[in-house]
N, C-alpha and C. Protein backbone atom coordinates (compact mmCIF):
# COMPACT_ATOMS: atom_id res chain seq x y z
N MET A 1 68.97 153.28 130.85
CA MET A 1 68.30 152.77 129.68
C MET A 1 67.29 151.69 130.06
N THR A 2 67.64 150.76 130.92
CA THR A 2 66.71 149.71 131.30
C THR A 2 65.56 150.26 132.13
N MET A 3 65.79 151.31 132.91
CA MET A 3 64.71 151.92 133.69
C MET A 3 63.67 152.53 132.75
N LYS A 4 64.12 153.15 131.67
CA LYS A 4 63.19 153.72 130.69
C LYS A 4 62.34 152.63 130.05
N ARG A 5 62.97 151.51 129.71
CA ARG A 5 62.23 150.39 129.12
C ARG A 5 61.21 149.83 130.11
N PHE A 6 61.62 149.71 131.36
CA PHE A 6 60.72 149.21 132.39
C PHE A 6 59.51 150.12 132.54
N LEU A 7 59.74 151.43 132.61
CA LEU A 7 58.63 152.38 132.74
C LEU A 7 57.73 152.36 131.52
N LEU A 8 58.32 152.23 130.34
CA LEU A 8 57.53 152.14 129.11
C LEU A 8 56.66 150.88 129.11
N LEU A 9 57.25 149.76 129.48
CA LEU A 9 56.51 148.51 129.54
C LEU A 9 55.39 148.59 130.58
N LEU A 10 55.70 149.15 131.74
CA LEU A 10 54.70 149.31 132.80
C LEU A 10 53.55 150.19 132.33
N SER A 11 53.85 151.29 131.65
CA SER A 11 52.78 152.17 131.18
C SER A 11 51.93 151.49 130.10
N LEU A 12 52.55 150.66 129.25
CA LEU A 12 51.79 149.94 128.23
C LEU A 12 50.86 148.91 128.86
N LEU A 13 51.28 148.32 129.97
CA LEU A 13 50.43 147.34 130.64
C LEU A 13 49.31 148.00 131.43
N VAL A 14 49.57 149.15 132.03
CA VAL A 14 48.58 149.82 132.89
C VAL A 14 47.60 150.65 132.07
N PHE A 15 48.02 151.20 130.96
CA PHE A 15 47.18 152.11 130.18
C PHE A 15 45.84 151.50 129.75
N PRO A 16 45.80 150.25 129.21
CA PRO A 16 44.50 149.68 128.83
C PRO A 16 43.54 149.53 130.02
N PHE A 17 44.09 149.18 131.18
CA PHE A 17 43.25 149.05 132.37
C PHE A 17 42.69 150.41 132.77
N ALA A 18 43.51 151.44 132.69
CA ALA A 18 43.05 152.79 133.06
C ALA A 18 41.93 153.25 132.13
N LEU A 19 42.08 152.99 130.84
CA LEU A 19 41.05 153.39 129.88
C LEU A 19 39.74 152.65 130.13
N SER A 20 39.83 151.34 130.34
CA SER A 20 38.60 150.58 130.54
C SER A 20 37.97 150.92 131.88
N ALA A 21 38.76 151.27 132.87
CA ALA A 21 38.21 151.63 134.17
C ALA A 21 37.41 152.92 134.08
N GLN A 22 37.82 153.83 133.21
CA GLN A 22 37.09 155.08 133.06
C GLN A 22 35.78 154.88 132.32
N GLU A 23 35.76 153.96 131.37
CA GLU A 23 34.56 153.77 130.57
C GLU A 23 33.50 152.95 131.31
N THR A 24 33.86 151.79 131.82
CA THR A 24 32.85 150.89 132.37
C THR A 24 33.10 150.50 133.81
N GLY A 25 34.24 150.81 134.35
CA GLY A 25 34.59 150.37 135.69
C GLY A 25 35.18 148.97 135.62
N ILE A 26 36.05 148.68 136.55
CA ILE A 26 36.67 147.36 136.58
C ILE A 26 35.68 146.39 137.22
N PRO A 27 35.36 145.30 136.53
CA PRO A 27 34.37 144.37 137.07
C PRO A 27 34.93 143.58 138.26
N GLN A 28 34.02 143.11 139.08
CA GLN A 28 34.39 142.27 140.21
C GLN A 28 34.59 140.85 139.70
N ILE A 29 35.74 140.28 140.00
CA ILE A 29 36.06 138.92 139.58
C ILE A 29 36.28 138.08 140.83
N LEU A 30 35.49 137.00 140.94
CA LEU A 30 35.58 136.11 142.10
C LEU A 30 36.20 134.79 141.65
N GLY A 31 37.46 134.58 142.01
CA GLY A 31 38.16 133.37 141.62
C GLY A 31 37.61 132.15 142.35
N LEU A 32 37.36 131.07 141.62
CA LEU A 32 36.86 129.83 142.20
C LEU A 32 37.96 128.78 142.29
N ALA A 33 38.79 128.70 141.26
CA ALA A 33 39.87 127.70 141.23
C ALA A 33 40.98 128.20 140.32
N ASN A 34 42.23 128.10 140.77
CA ASN A 34 43.39 128.49 139.96
C ASN A 34 44.39 127.35 139.93
N ILE A 35 45.08 127.25 138.81
CA ILE A 35 46.22 126.36 138.67
C ILE A 35 47.38 127.25 138.24
N GLU A 36 48.45 127.21 139.01
CA GLU A 36 49.63 128.01 138.69
C GLU A 36 50.79 127.09 138.34
N GLU A 37 51.62 127.59 137.44
CA GLU A 37 52.80 126.84 137.01
C GLU A 37 53.95 127.82 136.93
N ASN A 38 55.04 127.53 137.59
CA ASN A 38 56.21 128.42 137.59
C ASN A 38 55.86 129.83 138.06
N ASP A 39 55.10 129.91 139.14
CA ASP A 39 54.73 131.18 139.78
C ASP A 39 53.92 132.11 138.88
N SER A 40 53.30 131.59 137.84
CA SER A 40 52.40 132.42 137.04
C SER A 40 51.11 131.64 136.79
N GLU A 41 50.03 132.37 136.77
CA GLU A 41 48.73 131.75 136.60
C GLU A 41 48.60 131.19 135.19
N VAL A 42 48.11 129.99 135.08
CA VAL A 42 47.94 129.34 133.79
C VAL A 42 46.46 129.15 133.50
N LEU A 43 45.71 128.79 134.52
CA LEU A 43 44.35 128.34 134.33
C LEU A 43 43.50 128.79 135.52
N GLN A 44 42.34 129.35 135.24
CA GLN A 44 41.48 129.81 136.33
C GLN A 44 40.02 129.72 135.91
N VAL A 45 39.15 129.36 136.87
CA VAL A 45 37.71 129.48 136.69
C VAL A 45 37.28 130.57 137.65
N PHE A 46 36.51 131.53 137.15
CA PHE A 46 36.04 132.61 138.00
C PHE A 46 34.62 133.00 137.66
N ASN A 47 34.01 133.73 138.58
CA ASN A 47 32.67 134.28 138.42
C ASN A 47 32.81 135.79 138.32
N MET A 48 32.14 136.37 137.35
CA MET A 48 32.14 137.82 137.18
C MET A 48 30.68 138.30 137.23
N PRO A 49 30.13 138.47 138.46
CA PRO A 49 28.72 138.87 138.55
C PRO A 49 28.49 140.26 137.97
N LYS A 50 27.34 140.40 137.31
CA LYS A 50 26.97 141.69 136.74
C LYS A 50 25.46 141.83 136.86
N ASP A 51 25.02 142.92 137.44
CA ASP A 51 23.59 143.20 137.64
C ASP A 51 22.88 142.04 138.35
N GLY A 52 23.53 141.48 139.36
CA GLY A 52 22.92 140.40 140.14
C GLY A 52 22.94 139.04 139.48
N GLN A 53 23.53 138.91 138.30
CA GLN A 53 23.58 137.65 137.57
C GLN A 53 25.02 137.14 137.53
N ASN A 54 25.22 135.86 137.85
CA ASN A 54 26.54 135.26 137.78
C ASN A 54 26.92 134.99 136.32
N HIS A 55 28.22 135.12 136.03
CA HIS A 55 28.76 134.78 134.72
C HIS A 55 30.09 134.07 134.97
N TYR A 56 30.15 132.77 134.66
CA TYR A 56 31.34 131.96 134.92
C TYR A 56 32.20 131.90 133.66
N TYR A 57 33.53 131.94 133.87
CA TYR A 57 34.49 131.93 132.77
C TYR A 57 35.66 131.00 133.08
N LEU A 58 36.23 130.45 132.03
CA LEU A 58 37.50 129.75 132.09
C LEU A 58 38.53 130.72 131.52
N SER A 59 39.59 130.97 132.27
CA SER A 59 40.64 131.89 131.86
C SER A 59 41.91 131.09 131.59
N LEU A 60 42.51 131.31 130.41
CA LEU A 60 43.74 130.62 130.01
C LEU A 60 44.79 131.67 129.67
N SER A 61 45.85 131.73 130.47
CA SER A 61 46.91 132.68 130.17
C SER A 61 48.02 131.98 129.40
N ARG A 62 49.11 132.66 129.19
CA ARG A 62 50.24 132.16 128.39
C ARG A 62 49.82 131.89 126.95
N VAL A 63 49.22 132.86 126.34
CA VAL A 63 48.79 132.74 124.95
C VAL A 63 50.01 132.85 124.05
N GLY A 64 50.12 131.94 123.10
CA GLY A 64 51.23 131.95 122.16
C GLY A 64 50.80 132.50 120.82
N LEU A 65 51.77 132.84 120.00
CA LEU A 65 51.51 133.35 118.66
C LEU A 65 52.37 132.55 117.70
N GLY A 66 51.76 132.08 116.62
CA GLY A 66 52.52 131.30 115.64
C GLY A 66 51.58 130.72 114.61
N ASP A 67 51.79 129.44 114.29
CA ASP A 67 50.89 128.77 113.36
C ASP A 67 50.22 127.61 114.08
N ASP A 68 49.60 126.74 113.33
CA ASP A 68 48.83 125.66 113.92
C ASP A 68 49.69 124.68 114.72
N ALA A 69 50.95 124.52 114.36
CA ALA A 69 51.80 123.53 115.01
C ALA A 69 52.77 124.14 116.02
N VAL A 70 53.31 125.32 115.73
CA VAL A 70 54.36 125.90 116.55
C VAL A 70 53.95 127.29 117.05
N GLN A 71 54.06 127.49 118.36
CA GLN A 71 53.80 128.78 118.98
C GLN A 71 55.14 129.33 119.46
N LEU A 72 55.62 130.40 118.86
CA LEU A 72 56.95 130.89 119.15
C LEU A 72 56.99 132.00 120.20
N ILE A 73 56.04 132.89 120.15
CA ILE A 73 56.08 134.07 121.01
C ILE A 73 54.95 133.96 122.02
N TYR A 74 55.27 134.18 123.29
CA TYR A 74 54.22 134.21 124.32
C TYR A 74 53.83 135.64 124.60
N ASP A 75 52.55 135.87 124.64
CA ASP A 75 51.98 137.18 124.89
C ASP A 75 51.68 137.29 126.38
N PRO A 76 52.42 138.12 127.13
CA PRO A 76 52.19 138.21 128.58
C PRO A 76 51.00 139.08 128.95
N VAL A 77 50.36 139.71 127.97
CA VAL A 77 49.29 140.67 128.26
C VAL A 77 47.91 140.07 128.04
N HIS A 78 47.70 139.39 126.92
CA HIS A 78 46.37 138.87 126.58
C HIS A 78 46.09 137.55 127.28
N THR A 79 44.82 137.34 127.57
CA THR A 79 44.32 136.10 128.16
C THR A 79 43.15 135.62 127.32
N LEU A 80 43.02 134.32 127.16
CA LEU A 80 41.89 133.73 126.44
C LEU A 80 40.82 133.37 127.47
N PHE A 81 39.60 133.89 127.26
CA PHE A 81 38.48 133.64 128.16
C PHE A 81 37.40 132.85 127.42
N LEU A 82 36.89 131.81 128.07
CA LEU A 82 35.76 131.04 127.52
C LEU A 82 34.59 131.17 128.47
N PRO A 83 33.45 131.71 128.01
CA PRO A 83 32.26 131.75 128.86
C PRO A 83 31.78 130.34 129.16
N LEU A 84 31.43 130.09 130.44
CA LEU A 84 30.98 128.77 130.85
C LEU A 84 29.49 128.73 131.19
N GLY A 85 28.85 129.87 131.25
CA GLY A 85 27.43 129.91 131.57
C GLY A 85 27.15 130.78 132.77
N ASP A 86 25.87 130.88 133.13
CA ASP A 86 25.44 131.75 134.21
C ASP A 86 25.13 131.00 135.50
N ARG A 87 25.25 129.68 135.47
CA ARG A 87 25.04 128.87 136.69
C ARG A 87 26.24 127.96 136.87
N LEU A 88 26.52 127.63 138.11
CA LEU A 88 27.66 126.76 138.40
C LEU A 88 27.48 125.39 137.74
N SER A 89 26.26 124.89 137.71
CA SER A 89 26.02 123.58 137.07
C SER A 89 26.31 123.65 135.56
N ASP A 90 25.97 124.78 134.91
CA ASP A 90 26.30 124.95 133.49
C ASP A 90 27.81 124.98 133.28
N ALA A 91 28.50 125.68 134.17
CA ALA A 91 29.95 125.77 134.08
C ALA A 91 30.58 124.39 134.22
N MET A 92 30.09 123.61 135.18
CA MET A 92 30.62 122.26 135.39
C MET A 92 30.35 121.37 134.18
N ASP A 93 29.19 121.54 133.54
CA ASP A 93 28.88 120.75 132.33
C ASP A 93 29.86 121.06 131.20
N VAL A 94 30.16 122.33 130.99
CA VAL A 94 31.10 122.71 129.93
C VAL A 94 32.50 122.20 130.26
N LEU A 95 32.92 122.35 131.51
CA LEU A 95 34.23 121.85 131.90
C LEU A 95 34.31 120.33 131.72
N GLN A 96 33.23 119.62 132.04
CA GLN A 96 33.21 118.17 131.85
C GLN A 96 33.31 117.82 130.37
N GLN A 97 32.64 118.59 129.52
CA GLN A 97 32.73 118.36 128.07
C GLN A 97 34.18 118.53 127.60
N LEU A 98 34.87 119.54 128.13
CA LEU A 98 36.26 119.74 127.76
C LEU A 98 37.13 118.60 128.28
N GLN A 99 36.89 118.16 129.50
CA GLN A 99 37.67 117.06 130.06
C GLN A 99 37.45 115.77 129.27
N ASP A 100 36.23 115.56 128.79
CA ASP A 100 35.93 114.36 127.99
C ASP A 100 36.73 114.32 126.69
N LEU A 101 37.16 115.49 126.19
CA LEU A 101 37.97 115.52 124.96
C LEU A 101 39.28 114.77 125.14
N TYR A 102 39.80 114.72 126.37
CA TYR A 102 41.06 114.01 126.61
C TYR A 102 40.92 112.50 126.37
N ASN A 103 39.70 112.00 126.30
CA ASN A 103 39.47 110.58 126.04
C ASN A 103 39.04 110.32 124.59
N ALA A 104 39.01 111.36 123.78
CA ALA A 104 38.60 111.22 122.38
C ALA A 104 39.80 110.81 121.53
N ASP A 105 39.53 110.59 120.27
CA ASP A 105 40.61 110.28 119.33
C ASP A 105 41.43 111.54 119.08
N ALA A 106 42.75 111.36 118.91
CA ALA A 106 43.63 112.49 118.62
C ALA A 106 43.12 113.22 117.37
N GLY A 107 43.09 114.52 117.43
CA GLY A 107 42.61 115.34 116.32
C GLY A 107 41.15 115.75 116.45
N THR A 108 40.44 115.22 117.44
CA THR A 108 39.04 115.59 117.65
C THR A 108 38.96 117.06 118.08
N SER A 109 38.04 117.81 117.45
CA SER A 109 37.91 119.25 117.74
C SER A 109 36.48 119.60 118.05
N ILE A 110 36.32 120.65 118.86
CA ILE A 110 35.03 121.28 119.06
C ILE A 110 35.26 122.79 118.97
N GLU A 111 34.19 123.51 118.78
CA GLU A 111 34.29 124.97 118.74
C GLU A 111 33.43 125.55 119.84
N ARG A 112 33.94 126.60 120.48
CA ARG A 112 33.22 127.32 121.54
C ARG A 112 33.47 128.80 121.34
N PRO A 113 32.55 129.63 121.81
CA PRO A 113 32.82 131.06 121.77
C PRO A 113 33.82 131.43 122.85
N GLY A 114 34.60 132.45 122.60
CA GLY A 114 35.56 132.94 123.57
C GLY A 114 36.05 134.31 123.16
N CYS A 115 36.86 134.91 124.01
CA CYS A 115 37.43 136.21 123.65
C CYS A 115 38.87 136.28 124.13
N LEU A 116 39.68 136.94 123.35
CA LEU A 116 41.06 137.19 123.66
C LEU A 116 41.12 138.64 124.11
N ALA A 117 41.41 138.88 125.38
CA ALA A 117 41.32 140.24 125.91
C ALA A 117 42.40 140.48 126.95
N VAL A 118 42.51 141.74 127.34
CA VAL A 118 43.45 142.16 128.37
C VAL A 118 42.68 142.34 129.68
N GLY A 119 43.08 141.62 130.71
CA GLY A 119 42.52 141.84 132.04
C GLY A 119 41.29 141.04 132.38
N PHE A 120 40.23 141.24 131.63
CA PHE A 120 38.97 140.57 131.90
C PHE A 120 38.18 140.41 130.61
N PRO A 121 37.22 139.47 130.59
CA PRO A 121 36.49 139.20 129.34
C PRO A 121 35.62 140.37 128.91
N ASN A 122 35.39 140.44 127.61
CA ASN A 122 34.50 141.46 127.05
C ASN A 122 33.45 140.77 126.18
N ASP A 123 32.64 141.56 125.50
CA ASP A 123 31.55 141.01 124.68
C ASP A 123 31.96 140.70 123.25
N GLU A 124 33.23 140.87 122.90
CA GLU A 124 33.70 140.64 121.54
C GLU A 124 34.09 139.17 121.38
N LEU A 125 33.08 138.31 121.24
CA LEU A 125 33.32 136.87 121.16
C LEU A 125 33.74 136.46 119.76
N GLU A 126 34.62 135.47 119.71
CA GLU A 126 35.05 134.89 118.45
C GLU A 126 35.15 133.38 118.64
N THR A 127 35.34 132.66 117.57
CA THR A 127 35.37 131.20 117.63
C THR A 127 36.71 130.71 118.14
N VAL A 128 36.65 129.84 119.14
CA VAL A 128 37.85 129.18 119.67
C VAL A 128 37.72 127.71 119.30
N THR A 129 38.71 127.20 118.60
CA THR A 129 38.74 125.78 118.24
C THR A 129 39.57 125.05 119.28
N ILE A 130 38.98 124.03 119.88
CA ILE A 130 39.64 123.25 120.92
C ILE A 130 39.89 121.86 120.35
N THR A 131 41.16 121.50 120.25
CA THR A 131 41.56 120.25 119.61
C THR A 131 42.37 119.40 120.57
N TYR A 132 42.00 118.12 120.64
CA TYR A 132 42.77 117.17 121.46
C TYR A 132 43.95 116.67 120.65
N ARG A 133 45.15 116.77 121.27
CA ARG A 133 46.37 116.32 120.60
C ARG A 133 47.18 115.44 121.54
N GLN A 134 47.85 114.47 120.94
CA GLN A 134 48.81 113.65 121.68
C GLN A 134 50.18 113.95 121.10
N VAL A 135 51.04 114.53 121.94
CA VAL A 135 52.39 114.86 121.53
C VAL A 135 53.32 114.03 122.38
N MET A 136 53.96 113.07 121.76
CA MET A 136 54.78 112.07 122.46
C MET A 136 53.94 111.43 123.55
N LEU A 137 54.29 111.62 124.81
CA LEU A 137 53.52 111.02 125.89
C LEU A 137 52.54 112.00 126.52
N SER A 138 52.49 113.22 126.03
CA SER A 138 51.61 114.24 126.61
C SER A 138 50.26 114.27 125.93
N ARG A 139 49.25 114.48 126.74
CA ARG A 139 47.89 114.68 126.23
C ARG A 139 47.55 116.14 126.48
N ILE A 140 47.23 116.87 125.41
CA ILE A 140 46.96 118.29 125.57
C ILE A 140 45.70 118.69 124.81
N LEU A 141 45.09 119.76 125.27
CA LEU A 141 44.05 120.44 124.51
C LEU A 141 44.66 121.73 123.99
N ALA A 142 44.50 121.97 122.72
CA ALA A 142 44.98 123.21 122.10
C ALA A 142 43.77 124.11 121.89
N PHE A 143 43.77 125.27 122.55
CA PHE A 143 42.72 126.28 122.41
C PHE A 143 43.25 127.30 121.42
N CYS A 144 42.67 127.37 120.21
CA CYS A 144 43.22 128.20 119.13
C CYS A 144 42.22 129.25 118.65
N VAL A 145 42.73 130.46 118.42
CA VAL A 145 41.97 131.55 117.83
C VAL A 145 42.77 132.03 116.62
N GLU A 146 42.13 132.05 115.45
CA GLU A 146 42.80 132.54 114.24
C GLU A 146 42.55 134.03 114.10
N ARG A 147 43.65 134.77 113.93
CA ARG A 147 43.57 136.21 113.73
C ARG A 147 44.62 136.65 112.73
N GLU A 148 44.20 137.37 111.72
CA GLU A 148 45.10 138.01 110.76
C GLU A 148 46.16 137.06 110.21
N GLY A 149 45.75 135.85 109.87
CA GLY A 149 46.66 134.89 109.27
C GLY A 149 47.56 134.15 110.24
N SER A 150 47.45 134.43 111.51
CA SER A 150 48.24 133.70 112.49
C SER A 150 47.31 133.04 113.50
N VAL A 151 47.86 132.15 114.30
CA VAL A 151 47.07 131.43 115.29
C VAL A 151 47.56 131.83 116.67
N ARG A 152 46.62 132.23 117.51
CA ARG A 152 46.90 132.49 118.92
C ARG A 152 46.42 131.25 119.66
N ALA A 153 47.29 130.64 120.47
CA ALA A 153 46.93 129.36 121.08
C ALA A 153 47.44 129.23 122.51
N VAL A 154 46.72 128.41 123.26
CA VAL A 154 47.12 127.99 124.60
C VAL A 154 47.02 126.48 124.62
N HIS A 155 48.04 125.83 125.16
CA HIS A 155 48.05 124.37 125.26
C HIS A 155 47.92 123.99 126.72
N LEU A 156 46.97 123.10 126.99
CA LEU A 156 46.64 122.74 128.36
C LEU A 156 46.80 121.23 128.55
N THR A 157 47.64 120.84 129.50
CA THR A 157 47.88 119.42 129.74
C THR A 157 46.71 118.78 130.49
N LYS A 158 46.61 117.49 130.34
CA LYS A 158 45.54 116.74 131.00
C LYS A 158 45.67 116.82 132.52
N SER A 159 46.90 116.79 133.03
CA SER A 159 47.09 116.84 134.49
C SER A 159 46.65 118.19 135.06
N ASN A 160 46.98 119.30 134.39
CA ASN A 160 46.53 120.61 134.87
C ASN A 160 45.01 120.72 134.83
N PHE A 161 44.40 120.21 133.77
CA PHE A 161 42.94 120.29 133.67
C PHE A 161 42.29 119.41 134.73
N GLY A 162 42.86 118.23 134.97
CA GLY A 162 42.34 117.35 136.01
C GLY A 162 42.41 117.99 137.39
N SER A 163 43.50 118.70 137.66
CA SER A 163 43.64 119.42 138.93
C SER A 163 42.58 120.51 139.06
N LEU A 164 42.33 121.22 137.97
CA LEU A 164 41.29 122.25 137.98
C LEU A 164 39.92 121.64 138.26
N MET A 165 39.62 120.52 137.63
CA MET A 165 38.33 119.86 137.84
C MET A 165 38.17 119.41 139.28
N ASN A 166 39.23 118.91 139.89
CA ASN A 166 39.16 118.51 141.30
C ASN A 166 38.88 119.72 142.19
N LEU A 167 39.52 120.83 141.92
CA LEU A 167 39.26 122.05 142.69
C LEU A 167 37.82 122.52 142.52
N MET A 168 37.31 122.41 141.30
CA MET A 168 35.92 122.84 141.05
C MET A 168 34.92 121.92 141.75
N LYS A 169 35.20 120.64 141.81
CA LYS A 169 34.31 119.71 142.52
C LYS A 169 34.28 120.02 144.00
N VAL A 170 35.43 120.36 144.58
CA VAL A 170 35.48 120.76 145.99
C VAL A 170 34.71 122.06 146.19
N TYR A 171 34.91 123.03 145.29
CA TYR A 171 34.20 124.31 145.39
C TYR A 171 32.69 124.08 145.35
N ARG A 172 32.26 123.21 144.46
CA ARG A 172 30.82 122.93 144.31
C ARG A 172 30.24 122.30 145.57
N LYS A 173 31.01 121.43 146.23
CA LYS A 173 30.53 120.81 147.47
C LYS A 173 30.46 121.84 148.60
N ILE A 174 31.41 122.75 148.63
CA ILE A 174 31.43 123.77 149.68
C ILE A 174 30.33 124.80 149.49
N HIS A 175 29.95 125.06 148.24
CA HIS A 175 28.94 126.08 147.90
C HIS A 175 27.74 125.45 147.18
N PRO A 176 26.97 124.61 147.85
CA PRO A 176 25.85 123.94 147.17
C PRO A 176 24.71 124.89 146.77
N ASN A 177 24.62 126.06 147.39
CA ASN A 177 23.53 126.99 147.06
C ASN A 177 23.83 127.84 145.83
N GLU A 178 24.99 127.66 145.24
CA GLU A 178 25.38 128.49 144.08
C GLU A 178 24.89 127.91 142.77
N GLU A 179 24.16 126.82 142.79
CA GLU A 179 23.67 126.19 141.57
C GLU A 179 22.79 127.16 140.84
């Protein structure tokens, strides 16, 4: 019985990739910086070049489902992607803007385009509301997408984001010609 469930789950995870691979091909994704927590990827900045043009993205996994305050169910399949621009300097500017939110007043929000997708970003952009929250002693950014009366969200701690920014600064120094 458990083997059948495993095979069913595996086919559900692989099937969307197989369909998209037949239609457009799997895009090349070049990881620049990753932050992992408990052996699973939480946060990544990557470049997805297309037709000779760079496209930088922030990838946030561990998307939850619930309401504005409580996320009960974690979706292991979908990832939230935020476009950061076509140049490394543009990507760094957007990341800096997000990091600056950690110094704002609690409840401060901004909106950015993003997409909730399986595997890699697509062109179906929707509004992502990014809100700075202080929960007890934790400082977090809540990345929220409203869909069908529920909220899909990822919560990112200040320490994880700071680690990502440090990795990106090192990457930028190592690759000065990528501006």
